[in-house]
Amino acid sequence: LRRQRQKCIRDRSTQSTWEQINSKGKRGMQQDSNGAAKDFTVLSYMLKYVYLNLETKRKDLQASMEQLSKVIQENIHKISQGAPISIPEIPPKSIDELAKDTTECQKFEVAIADWTDYIKEHLSQVEKKQPELTAVGEIESWRAKLAILSPLHEQFNLEAVHKICEIIKMAIQIETTGVNANVDEFNRQKDLLAKQYAEAKDNVKFLSTLDRQFKNLREGDLVSVEETLPSLMNGLKLVWKISRHITTPQMQRILTSISREIQEKVEKEIKIKEIFNLPREEAMEKLDKAKKCLDSWIT
């Protein structure tokens, strides 16, 4: 009887818990973008300040948590970009009919002008994002750019956007009264957006394969860095050969960042004022580790 009673209590507790989860899920589905961003932010803080700070011997689990944290941050950034672009309603008529309708065409003209300014504004934000002078900072910079460009690229590839552009093009061809929208400028900005989106997506994809090595470079000791460098350099060579968008200046910036991080790590470990006060064996051991690390980078 006691076991049956305990089972009933567990069943009720489980049912109650699932009801709470289901209720929260339904409320969450009804939230607006601000509410979604708030939920993601709370989850991000939990990961950053609770789970990622727990000591664990499972490196794969720690890496998965860090990856999840990055995905959450990217989604927060996407949500926070604001409302979708304004797309005017398209009456259920043919493109030919709409192109001859001055009232509808003027409405579409205003939309195209707004879209052009919208793209320019966001591309300007992307240009201002400069990476930190670290290898990890390079990846994070491209992820931040992709978070801006990805939703923007998706919105301007909607069927309604393409249809409105076709209507205005035809209206210009048949010289509909009062239609003089600068569709070419919109298309130039849209092509620039597509180009930058493809570059950011490609760079994130390939540089993310070196995420573990870049983190070892930032967080590891001299021995760990020395062991990481061969695989890191092989990975960079592969990225350089395969990637269509990693340019020479970008690769130089990555290599300069790696060199600077190694230099700072050696300087932190080998302090001239302190090294001569250490026991001879300890001082020689530190110097040997630093030399091997530097030699590994040079070779």
C-alpha atoms as a PDB file:
ATOM      1  CA  LEU A   1       0.000   0.000   0.000  1.00  0.00           C
ATOM      2  CA  ARG A   2       2.851   2.382   0.853  1.00  0.00           C
ATOM      3  CA  ARG A   3       4.473   1.710  -2.515  1.00  0.00           C
ATOM      4  CA  GLN A   4       1.200   2.308  -4.347  1.00  0.00           C
ATOM      5  CA  ARG A   5       0.673   5.553  -2.423  1.00  0.00           C
ATOM      6  CA  GLN A   6       4.210   6.729  -3.246  1.00  0.00           C
ATOM      7  CA  LYS A   7       3.651   5.838  -6.906  1.00  0.00           C
ATOM      8  CA  CYS A   8       0.442   7.875  -6.979  1.00  0.00           C
ATOM      9  CA  ILE A   9       2.243  10.832  -5.420  1.00  0.00           C
ATOM     10  CA  ARG A  10       5.032  10.560  -8.010  1.00  0.00           C
ATOM     11  CA  ASP A  11       2.510  10.279 -10.835  1.00  0.00           C
ATOM     12  CA  ARG A  12       0.631  13.359  -9.622  1.00  0.00           C
ATOM     13  CA  SER A  13       3.903  15.248  -9.196  1.00  0.00           C
ATOM     14  CA  THR A  14       5.058  14.260 -12.670  1.00  0.00           C
ATOM     15  CA  GLN A  15       1.702  15.173 -14.181  1.00  0.00           C
ATOM     16  CA  SER A  16       1.748  18.518 -12.366  1.00  0.00           C
ATOM     17  CA  THR A  17       5.285  19.217 -13.571  1.00  0.00           C
ATOM     18  CA  TRP A  18       4.395  18.430 -17.182  1.00  0.00           C
ATOM     19  CA  GLU A  19       1.280  20.586 -16.919  1.00  0.00           C
ATOM     20  CA  GLN A  20       3.478  23.480 -15.723  1.00  0.00           C
ATOM     21  CA  ILE A  21       5.946  22.928 -18.541  1.00  0.00           C
ATOM     22  CA  ASN A  22       3.140  22.693 -21.100  1.00  0.00           C
ATOM     23  CA  SER A  23       1.510  25.839 -19.735  1.00  0.00           C
ATOM     24  CA  LYS A  24       4.807  27.735 -19.866  1.00  0.00           C
ATOM     25  CA  GLY A  25       5.396  26.460 -23.385  1.00  0.00           C
ATOM     26  CA  LYS A  26       2.018  27.754 -24.554  1.00  0.00           C
ATOM     27  CA  ARG A  27       2.642  31.119 -22.927  1.00  0.00           C
ATOM     28  CA  GLY A  28       6.090  31.217 -24.518  1.00  0.00           C
ATOM     29  CA  MET A  29       4.605  30.622 -27.979  1.00  0.00           C
ATOM     30  CA  GLN A  30       2.385  33.649 -27.480  1.00  0.00           C
ATOM     31  CA  GLN A  31       5.217  35.967 -26.510  1.00  0.00           C
ATOM     32  CA  ASP A  32       6.451  38.681 -28.857  1.00  0.00           C
ATOM     33  CA  SER A  33      10.051  39.088 -29.966  1.00  0.00           C
ATOM     34  CA  ASN A  34      10.938  41.032 -26.807  1.00  0.00           C
ATOM     35  CA  GLY A  35       9.691  38.194 -24.650  1.00  0.00           C
ATOM     36  CA  ALA A  36      11.620  35.657 -26.717  1.00  0.00           C
ATOM     37  CA  ALA A  37      14.790  37.706 -26.389  1.00  0.00           C
ATOM     38  CA  LYS A  38      14.267  37.886 -22.608  1.00  0.00           C
ATOM     39  CA  ASP A  39      13.883  34.093 -22.364  1.00  0.00           C
ATOM     40  CA  PHE A  40      17.028  33.532 -24.423  1.00  0.00           C
ATOM     41  CA  THR A  41      18.919  36.037 -22.270  1.00  0.00           C
ATOM     42  CA  VAL A  42      17.914  34.230 -19.054  1.00  0.00           C
ATOM     43  CA  LEU A  43      19.018  30.902 -20.542  1.00  0.00           C
ATOM     44  CA  SER A  44      22.286  32.471 -21.659  1.00  0.00           C
ATOM     45  CA  TYR A  45      23.030  33.747 -18.154  1.00  0.00           C
ATOM     46  CA  MET A  46      22.274  30.308 -16.675  1.00  0.00           C
ATOM     47  CA  LEU A  47      24.723  28.669 -19.045  1.00  0.00           C
ATOM     48  CA  LYS A  48      27.425  31.304 -18.575  1.00  0.00           C
ATOM     49  CA  TYR A  49      27.337  31.740 -14.801  1.00  0.00           C
ATOM     50  CA  VAL A  50      26.131  28.314 -13.621  1.00  0.00           C
ATOM     51  CA  TYR A  51      26.790  25.387 -15.946  1.00  0.00           C
ATOM     52  CA  LEU A  52      29.950  26.663 -17.650  1.00  0.00           C
ATOM     53  CA  ASN A  53      31.482  27.378 -14.236  1.00  0.00           C
ATOM     54  CA  LEU A  54      30.924  23.853 -12.958  1.00  0.00           C
ATOM     55  CA  GLU A  55      34.071  21.763 -12.715  1.00  0.00           C
ATOM     56  CA  THR A  56      33.751  18.744 -14.958  1.00  0.00           C
ATOM     57  CA  LYS A  57      36.160  16.217 -16.401  1.00  0.00           C
ATOM     58  CA  ARG A  58      33.894  15.786 -19.431  1.00  0.00           C
ATOM     59  CA  LYS A  59      35.554  18.093 -21.964  1.00  0.00           C
ATOM     60  CA  ASP A  60      33.026  17.074 -24.619  1.00  0.00           C
ATOM     61  CA  LEU A  61      30.168  18.139 -22.336  1.00  0.00           C
ATOM     62  CA  GLN A  62      31.868  21.466 -21.597  1.00  0.00           C
ATOM     63  CA  ALA A  63      32.439  22.047 -25.321  1.00  0.00           C
ATOM     64  CA  SER A  64      28.781  21.243 -26.095  1.00  0.00           C
ATOM     65  CA  MET A  65      27.621  23.726 -23.449  1.00  0.00           C
ATOM     66  CA  GLU A  66      29.881  26.414 -24.898  1.00  0.00           C
ATOM     67  CA  GLN A  67      28.545  25.717 -28.394  1.00  0.00           C
ATOM     68  CA  LEU A  68      24.962  25.922 -27.118  1.00  0.00           C
ATOM     69  CA  SER A  69      25.800  29.224 -25.431  1.00  0.00           C
ATOM     70  CA  LYS A  70      27.057  30.619 -28.765  1.00  0.00           C
ATOM     71  CA  VAL A  71      23.913  29.524 -30.601  1.00  0.00           C
ATOM     72  CA  ILE A  72      21.769  31.214 -27.946  1.00  0.00           C
ATOM     73  CA  GLN A  73      23.792  34.432 -28.231  1.00  0.00           C
ATOM     74  CA  GLU A  74      23.373  34.409 -32.017  1.00  0.00           C
ATOM     75  CA  ASN A  75      19.597  33.989 -31.672  1.00  0.00           C
ATOM     76  CA  ILE A  76      19.423  36.806 -29.118  1.00  0.00           C
ATOM     77  CA  HIS A  77      21.216  39.019 -31.614  1.00  0.00           C
ATOM     78  CA  LYS A  78      18.857  38.005 -34.422  1.00  0.00           C
ATOM     79  CA  ILE A  79      15.749  38.679 -32.334  1.00  0.00           C
ATOM     80  CA  SER A  80      17.087  42.016 -31.120  1.00  0.00           C
ATOM     81  CA  GLN A  81      17.543  43.259 -34.689  1.00  0.00           C
ATOM     82  CA  GLY A  82      14.003  44.550 -34.526  1.00  0.00           C
ATOM     83  CA  ALA A  83      10.797  44.087 -36.509  1.00  0.00           C
ATOM     84  CA  PRO A  84      10.805  42.521 -39.994  1.00  0.00           C
ATOM     85  CA  ILE A  85      10.836  44.776 -43.021  1.00  0.00           C
ATOM     86  CA  SER A  86       7.536  46.352 -43.984  1.00  0.00           C
ATOM     87  CA  ILE A  87       6.086  44.671 -47.079  1.00  0.00           C
ATOM     88  CA  PRO A  88       2.969  46.325 -48.535  1.00  0.00           C
ATOM     89  CA  GLU A  89       0.020  44.114 -49.320  1.00  0.00           C
ATOM     90  CA  ILE A  90      -0.103  42.970 -52.947  1.00  0.00           C
ATOM     91  CA  PRO A  91      -3.628  42.838 -54.441  1.00  0.00           C
ATOM     92  CA  PRO A  92      -4.598  39.565 -56.145  1.00  0.00           C
ATOM     93  CA  LYS A  93      -3.991  40.869 -59.663  1.00  0.00           C
ATOM     94  CA  SER A  94      -1.511  40.056 -62.408  1.00  0.00           C
ATOM     95  CA  ILE A  95       1.846  41.847 -62.606  1.00  0.00           C
ATOM     96  CA  ASP A  96       0.717  43.607 -65.812  1.00  0.00           C
ATOM     97  CA  GLU A  97      -2.393  44.990 -64.129  1.00  0.00           C
ATOM     98  CA  LEU A  98      -0.514  46.149 -61.039  1.00  0.00           C
ATOM     99  CA  ALA A  99       2.197  47.808 -63.147  1.00  0.00           C
ATOM    100  CA  LYS A 100      -0.471  50.022 -64.744  1.00  0.00           C
ATOM    101  CA  ASP A 101      -2.016  50.969 -61.382  1.00  0.00           C
ATOM    102  CA  THR A 102      -0.389  54.291 -60.372  1.00  0.00           C
ATOM    103  CA  THR A 103      -1.683  54.166 -56.784  1.00  0.00           C
ATOM    104  CA  GLU A 104      -0.302  50.681 -56.123  1.00  0.00           C
ATOM    105  CA  CYS A 105       2.997  51.456 -57.842  1.00  0.00           C
ATOM    106  CA  GLN A 106       3.567  54.562 -55.723  1.00  0.00           C
ATOM    107  CA  LYS A 107       3.000  52.453 -52.620  1.00  0.00           C
ATOM    108  CA  PHE A 108       5.566  49.929 -53.843  1.00  0.00           C
ATOM    109  CA  GLU A 109       8.017  52.735 -54.701  1.00  0.00           C
ATOM    110  CA  VAL A 110       7.990  53.950 -51.101  1.00  0.00           C
ATOM    111  CA  ALA A 111       8.646  50.402 -49.897  1.00  0.00           C
ATOM    112  CA  ILE A 112      11.647  49.961 -52.228  1.00  0.00           C
ATOM    113  CA  ALA A 113      13.154  53.281 -51.116  1.00  0.00           C
ATOM    114  CA  ASP A 114      12.724  52.243 -47.456  1.00  0.00           C
ATOM    115  CA  TRP A 115      14.292  48.841 -48.143  1.00  0.00           C
ATOM    116  CA  THR A 116      17.304  50.461 -49.794  1.00  0.00           C
ATOM    117  CA  ASP A 117      17.916  52.666 -46.751  1.00  0.00           C
ATOM    118  CA  TYR A 118      17.321  49.692 -44.442  1.00  0.00           C
ATOM    119  CA  ILE A 119      20.023  47.611 -46.160  1.00  0.00           C
ATOM    120  CA  LYS A 120      22.485  50.535 -46.183  1.00  0.00           C
ATOM    121  CA  GLU A 121      21.968  51.105 -42.465  1.00  0.00           C
ATOM    122  CA  HIS A 122      22.608  47.465 -41.530  1.00  0.00           C
ATOM    123  CA  LEU A 123      25.606  47.083 -43.842  1.00  0.00           C
ATOM    124  CA  SER A 124      27.052  50.152 -42.145  1.00  0.00           C
ATOM    125  CA  GLN A 125      26.631  48.394 -38.769  1.00  0.00           C
ATOM    126  CA  VAL A 126      28.492  45.367 -40.121  1.00  0.00           C
ATOM    127  CA  GLU A 127      31.415  47.499 -41.325  1.00  0.00           C
ATOM    128  CA  LYS A 128      31.800  49.014 -37.852  1.00  0.00           C
ATOM    129  CA  LYS A 129      32.256  45.596 -36.221  1.00  0.00           C
ATOM    130  CA  GLN A 130      36.009  45.189 -35.821  1.00  0.00           C
ATOM    131  CA  PRO A 131      37.371  41.908 -34.411  1.00  0.00           C
ATOM    132  CA  GLU A 132      39.288  41.683 -31.169  1.00  0.00           C
ATOM    133  CA  LEU A 133      43.013  41.166 -31.654  1.00  0.00           C
ATOM    134  CA  THR A 134      42.738  37.466 -30.795  1.00  0.00           C
ATOM    135  CA  ALA A 135      42.132  34.326 -32.825  1.00  0.00           C
ATOM    136  CA  VAL A 136      38.865  33.651 -30.972  1.00  0.00           C
ATOM    137  CA  GLY A 137      37.891  37.289 -31.530  1.00  0.00           C
ATOM    138  CA  GLU A 138      38.154  36.742 -35.298  1.00  0.00           C
ATOM    139  CA  ILE A 139      35.550  33.968 -35.203  1.00  0.00           C
ATOM    140  CA  GLU A 140      33.273  35.906 -32.837  1.00  0.00           C
ATOM    141  CA  SER A 141      33.439  38.915 -35.145  1.00  0.00           C
ATOM    142  CA  TRP A 142      32.259  36.888 -38.145  1.00  0.00           C
ATOM    143  CA  ARG A 143      29.512  35.280 -36.054  1.00  0.00           C
ATOM    144  CA  ALA A 144      28.274  38.719 -35.003  1.00  0.00           C
ATOM    145  CA  LYS A 145      28.251  39.850 -38.654  1.00  0.00           C
ATOM    146  CA  LEU A 146      26.390  36.730 -39.732  1.00  0.00           C
ATOM    147  CA  ALA A 147      23.787  37.298 -36.992  1.00  0.00           C
ATOM    148  CA  ILE A 148      22.992  40.679 -38.591  1.00  0.00           C
ATOM    149  CA  LEU A 149      23.196  39.624 -42.235  1.00  0.00           C
ATOM    150  CA  SER A 150      21.386  36.265 -42.067  1.00  0.00           C
ATOM    151  CA  PRO A 151      17.856  37.476 -41.118  1.00  0.00           C
ATOM    152  CA  LEU A 152      18.274  40.443 -43.446  1.00  0.00           C
ATOM    153  CA  HIS A 153      19.221  38.198 -46.373  1.00  0.00           C
ATOM    154  CA  GLU A 154      16.264  35.908 -45.673  1.00  0.00           C
ATOM    155  CA  GLN A 155      13.770  38.781 -45.591  1.00  0.00           C
ATOM    156  CA  PHE A 156      14.878  40.286 -48.907  1.00  0.00           C
ATOM    157  CA  ASN A 157      14.608  36.924 -50.628  1.00  0.00           C
ATOM    158  CA  LEU A 158      10.908  36.597 -49.868  1.00  0.00           C
ATOM    159  CA  GLU A 159       8.639  36.022 -52.867  1.00  0.00           C
ATOM    160  CA  ALA A 160       6.656  39.212 -52.133  1.00  0.00           C
ATOM    161  CA  VAL A 161       9.810  41.333 -52.366  1.00  0.00           C
ATOM    162  CA  HIS A 162      10.731  39.824 -55.739  1.00  0.00           C
ATOM    163  CA  LYS A 163       7.192  40.366 -57.038  1.00  0.00           C
ATOM    164  CA  ILE A 164       7.127  44.038 -56.006  1.00  0.00           C
ATOM    165  CA  CYS A 165      10.449  44.627 -57.796  1.00  0.00           C
ATOM    166  CA  GLU A 166       9.075  42.966 -60.946  1.00  0.00           C
ATOM    167  CA  ILE A 167       5.965  45.161 -60.822  1.00  0.00           C
ATOM    168  CA  ILE A 168       8.013  48.367 -60.538  1.00  0.00           C
ATOM    169  CA  LYS A 169      10.395  47.268 -63.316  1.00  0.00           C
ATOM    170  CA  MET A 170       7.462  46.693 -65.646  1.00  0.00           C
ATOM    171  CA  ALA A 171       5.861  49.981 -64.583  1.00  0.00           C
ATOM    172  CA  ILE A 172       9.052  51.804 -65.567  1.00  0.00           C
ATOM    173  CA  GLN A 173       9.188  49.973 -68.906  1.00  0.00           C
ATOM    174  CA  ILE A 174       5.628  50.896 -69.831  1.00  0.00           C
ATOM    175  CA  GLU A 175       6.168  54.397 -68.382  1.00  0.00           C
ATOM    176  CA  THR A 176       3.361  54.352 -65.853  1.00  0.00           C
ATOM    177  CA  THR A 177       2.577  57.910 -64.700  1.00  0.00           C
ATOM    178  CA  GLY A 178       4.633  59.067 -61.686  1.00  0.00           C
ATOM    179  CA  VAL A 179       6.767  55.909 -61.368  1.00  0.00           C
ATOM    180  CA  ASN A 180      10.512  56.611 -61.086  1.00  0.00           C
ATOM    181  CA  ALA A 181      11.737  54.272 -58.348  1.00  0.00           C
ATOM    182  CA  ASN A 182      15.469  53.602 -58.250  1.00  0.00           C
ATOM    183  CA  VAL A 183      15.216  49.820 -58.492  1.00  0.00           C
ATOM    184  CA  ASP A 184      18.822  49.560 -59.733  1.00  0.00           C
ATOM    185  CA  GLU A 185      20.133  51.089 -56.492  1.00  0.00           C
ATOM    186  CA  PHE A 186      18.030  48.665 -54.461  1.00  0.00           C
ATOM    187  CA  ASN A 187      19.383  45.744 -56.493  1.00  0.00           C
ATOM    188  CA  ARG A 188      22.968  46.977 -55.994  1.00  0.00           C
ATOM    189  CA  GLN A 189      22.472  47.100 -52.224  1.00  0.00           C
ATOM    190  CA  LYS A 190      20.749  43.710 -52.278  1.00  0.00           C
ATOM    191  CA  ASP A 191      23.633  42.166 -54.242  1.00  0.00           C
ATOM    192  CA  LEU A 192      26.118  43.684 -51.784  1.00  0.00           C
ATOM    193  CA  LEU A 193      24.096  42.198 -48.924  1.00  0.00           C
ATOM    194  CA  ALA A 194      24.121  38.763 -50.589  1.00  0.00           C
ATOM    195  CA  LYS A 195      27.893  38.983 -51.150  1.00  0.00           C
ATOM    196  CA  GLN A 196      28.640  39.944 -47.532  1.00  0.00           C
ATOM    197  CA  TYR A 197      26.238  37.295 -46.241  1.00  0.00           C
ATOM    198  CA  ALA A 198      27.957  34.574 -48.292  1.00  0.00           C
ATOM    199  CA  GLU A 199      31.366  35.753 -47.041  1.00  0.00           C
ATOM    200  CA  ALA A 200      30.305  35.773 -43.373  1.00  0.00           C
ATOM    201  CA  LYS A 201      28.591  32.382 -43.658  1.00  0.00           C
ATOM    202  CA  ASP A 202      31.609  30.804 -45.348  1.00  0.00           C
ATOM    203  CA  ASN A 203      34.103  32.272 -42.873  1.00  0.00           C
ATOM    204  CA  VAL A 204      32.056  31.168 -39.858  1.00  0.00           C
ATOM    205  CA  LYS A 205      31.770  27.646 -41.277  1.00  0.00           C
ATOM    206  CA  PHE A 206      35.497  27.182 -41.880  1.00  0.00           C
ATOM    207  CA  LEU A 207      36.940  29.119 -38.939  1.00  0.00           C
ATOM    208  CA  SER A 208      34.612  27.289 -36.531  1.00  0.00           C
ATOM    209  CA  THR A 209      36.545  24.102 -37.321  1.00  0.00           C
ATOM    210  CA  LEU A 210      39.492  25.742 -35.499  1.00  0.00           C
ATOM    211  CA  ASP A 211      37.444  26.845 -32.488  1.00  0.00           C
ATOM    212  CA  ARG A 212      39.027  24.275 -30.154  1.00  0.00           C
ATOM    213  CA  GLN A 213      42.592  25.189 -31.159  1.00  0.00           C
ATOM    214  CA  PHE A 214      41.904  28.920 -30.799  1.00  0.00           C
ATOM    215  CA  LYS A 215      40.507  28.337 -27.304  1.00  0.00           C
ATOM    216  CA  ASN A 216      43.540  26.257 -26.316  1.00  0.00           C
ATOM    217  CA  LEU A 217      45.691  29.133 -27.511  1.00  0.00           C
ATOM    218  CA  ARG A 218      43.775  31.556 -25.313  1.00  0.00           C
ATOM    219  CA  GLU A 219      43.274  29.420 -22.209  1.00  0.00           C
ATOM    220  CA  GLY A 220      46.033  26.799 -22.242  1.00  0.00           C
ATOM    221  CA  ASP A 221      49.505  26.881 -20.719  1.00  0.00           C
ATOM    222  CA  LEU A 222      52.744  26.912 -22.732  1.00  0.00           C
ATOM    223  CA  VAL A 223      52.834  23.127 -23.099  1.00  0.00           C
ATOM    224  CA  SER A 224      49.226  23.020 -24.267  1.00  0.00           C
ATOM    225  CA  VAL A 225      49.880  25.814 -26.778  1.00  0.00           C
ATOM    226  CA  GLU A 226      52.962  24.024 -28.107  1.00  0.00           C
ATOM    227  CA  GLU A 227      50.932  20.831 -28.619  1.00  0.00           C
ATOM    228  CA  THR A 228      48.106  22.759 -30.296  1.00  0.00           C
ATOM    229  CA  LEU A 229      50.173  24.705 -32.837  1.00  0.00           C
ATOM    230  CA  PRO A 230      50.819  21.875 -35.376  1.00  0.00           C
ATOM    231  CA  SER A 231      47.109  21.006 -35.730  1.00  0.00           C
ATOM    232  CA  LEU A 232      46.236  24.711 -35.731  1.00  0.00           C
ATOM    233  CA  MET A 233      48.613  25.477 -38.607  1.00  0.00           C
ATOM    234  CA  ASN A 234      47.439  22.437 -40.596  1.00  0.00           C
ATOM    235  CA  GLY A 235      43.849  23.603 -40.096  1.00  0.00           C
ATOM    236  CA  LEU A 236      44.670  27.137 -41.250  1.00  0.00           C
ATOM    237  CA  LYS A 237      46.389  25.781 -44.374  1.00  0.00           C
ATOM    238  CA  LEU A 238      43.297  23.705 -45.171  1.00  0.00           C
ATOM    239  CA  VAL A 239      40.987  26.685 -44.630  1.00  0.00           C
ATOM    240  CA  TRP A 240      43.217  28.816 -46.877  1.00  0.00           C
ATOM    241  CA  LYS A 241      42.999  26.243 -49.680  1.00  0.00           C
ATOM    242  CA  ILE A 242      39.263  25.496 -49.449  1.00  0.00           C
ATOM    243  CA  SER A 243      37.637  28.776 -48.447  1.00  0.00           C
ATOM    244  CA  ARG A 244      36.539  31.106 -51.241  1.00  0.00           C
ATOM    245  CA  HIS A 245      36.298  34.167 -49.008  1.00  0.00           C
ATOM    246  CA  ILE A 246      39.272  34.155 -46.610  1.00  0.00           C
ATOM    247  CA  THR A 247      41.443  36.931 -48.051  1.00  0.00           C
ATOM    248  CA  THR A 248      45.170  37.527 -47.618  1.00  0.00           C
ATOM    249  CA  PRO A 249      44.641  40.464 -45.195  1.00  0.00           C
ATOM    250  CA  GLN A 250      42.244  38.348 -43.111  1.00  0.00           C
ATOM    251  CA  MET A 251      44.695  35.459 -42.894  1.00  0.00           C
ATOM    252  CA  GLN A 252      47.509  37.872 -42.008  1.00  0.00           C
ATOM    253  CA  ARG A 253      45.326  39.296 -39.236  1.00  0.00           C
ATOM    254  CA  ILE A 254      44.676  35.803 -37.844  1.00  0.00           C
ATOM    255  CA  LEU A 255      48.383  34.891 -37.910  1.00  0.00           C
ATOM    256  CA  THR A 256      49.286  38.224 -36.280  1.00  0.00           C
ATOM    257  CA  SER A 257      46.725  37.567 -33.539  1.00  0.00           C
ATOM    258  CA  ILE A 258      48.155  34.099 -32.898  1.00  0.00           C
ATOM    259  CA  SER A 259      51.688  35.499 -32.750  1.00  0.00           C
ATOM    260  CA  ARG A 260      50.605  38.222 -30.312  1.00  0.00           C
ATOM    261  CA  GLU A 261      48.801  35.728 -28.056  1.00  0.00           C
ATOM    262  CA  ILE A 262      51.859  33.461 -27.899  1.00  0.00           C
ATOM    263  CA  GLN A 263      54.083  36.447 -27.144  1.00  0.00           C
ATOM    264  CA  GLU A 264      51.802  37.629 -24.332  1.00  0.00           C
ATOM    265  CA  LYS A 265      51.578  34.129 -22.874  1.00  0.00           C
ATOM    266  CA  VAL A 266      55.388  33.785 -22.811  1.00  0.00           C
ATOM    267  CA  GLU A 267      55.812  37.262 -21.306  1.00  0.00           C
ATOM    268  CA  LYS A 268      53.288  36.392 -18.599  1.00  0.00           C
ATOM    269  CA  GLU A 269      55.103  33.153 -17.777  1.00  0.00           C
ATOM    270  CA  ILE A 270      58.681  34.472 -18.006  1.00  0.00           C
ATOM    271  CA  LYS A 271      59.035  37.642 -15.956  1.00  0.00           C
ATOM    272  CA  ILE A 272      62.608  38.937 -16.110  1.00  0.00           C
ATOM    273  CA  LYS A 273      62.491  40.481 -12.643  1.00  0.00           C
ATOM    274  CA  GLU A 274      61.327  37.215 -11.072  1.00  0.00           C
ATOM    275  CA  ILE A 275      63.018  34.496 -13.113  1.00  0.00           C
ATOM    276  CA  PHE A 276      66.472  35.023 -11.531  1.00  0.00           C
ATOM    277  CA  ASN A 277      65.004  34.708  -8.035  1.00  0.00           C
ATOM    278  CA  LEU A 278      63.617  31.249  -8.696  1.00  0.00           C
ATOM    279  CA  PRO A 279      65.461  28.015  -7.972  1.00  0.00           C
ATOM    280  CA  ARG A 280      67.705  27.096 -10.865  1.00  0.00           C
ATOM    281  CA  GLU A 281      65.770  23.941 -11.839  1.00  0.00           C
ATOM    282  CA  GLU A 282      62.414  25.725 -11.794  1.00  0.00           C
ATOM    283  CA  ALA A 283      63.760  28.677 -13.794  1.00  0.00           C
ATOM    284  CA  MET A 284      65.337  26.384 -16.409  1.00  0.00           C
ATOM    285  CA  GLU A 285      62.111  24.386 -16.713  1.00  0.00           C
ATOM    286  CA  LYS A 286      60.088  27.548 -17.382  1.00  0.00           C
ATOM    287  CA  LEU A 287      62.610  28.837 -19.895  1.00  0.00           C
ATOM    288  CA  ASP A 288      62.679  25.472 -21.662  1.00  0.00           C
ATOM    289  CA  LYS A 289      58.863  25.414 -22.001  1.00  0.00           C
ATOM    290  CA  ALA A 290      58.845  28.968 -23.347  1.00  0.00           C
ATOM    291  CA  LYS A 291      61.620  28.217 -25.856  1.00  0.00           C
ATOM    292  CA  LYS A 292      59.898  25.055 -27.119  1.00  0.00           C
ATOM    293  CA  CYS A 293      56.635  26.971 -27.537  1.00  0.00           C
ATOM    294  CA  LEU A 294      58.324  29.783 -29.501  1.00  0.00           C
ATOM    295  CA  ASP A 295      60.337  27.311 -31.598  1.00  0.00           C
ATOM    296  CA  SER A 296      57.154  25.426 -32.418  1.00  0.00           C
ATOM    297  CA  TRP A 297      55.554  28.641 -33.684  1.00  0.00           C
ATOM    298  CA  ILE A 298      58.599  29.631 -35.747  1.00  0.00           C
ATOM    299  CA  THR A 299      58.852  26.235 -37.397  1.00  0.00           C
END
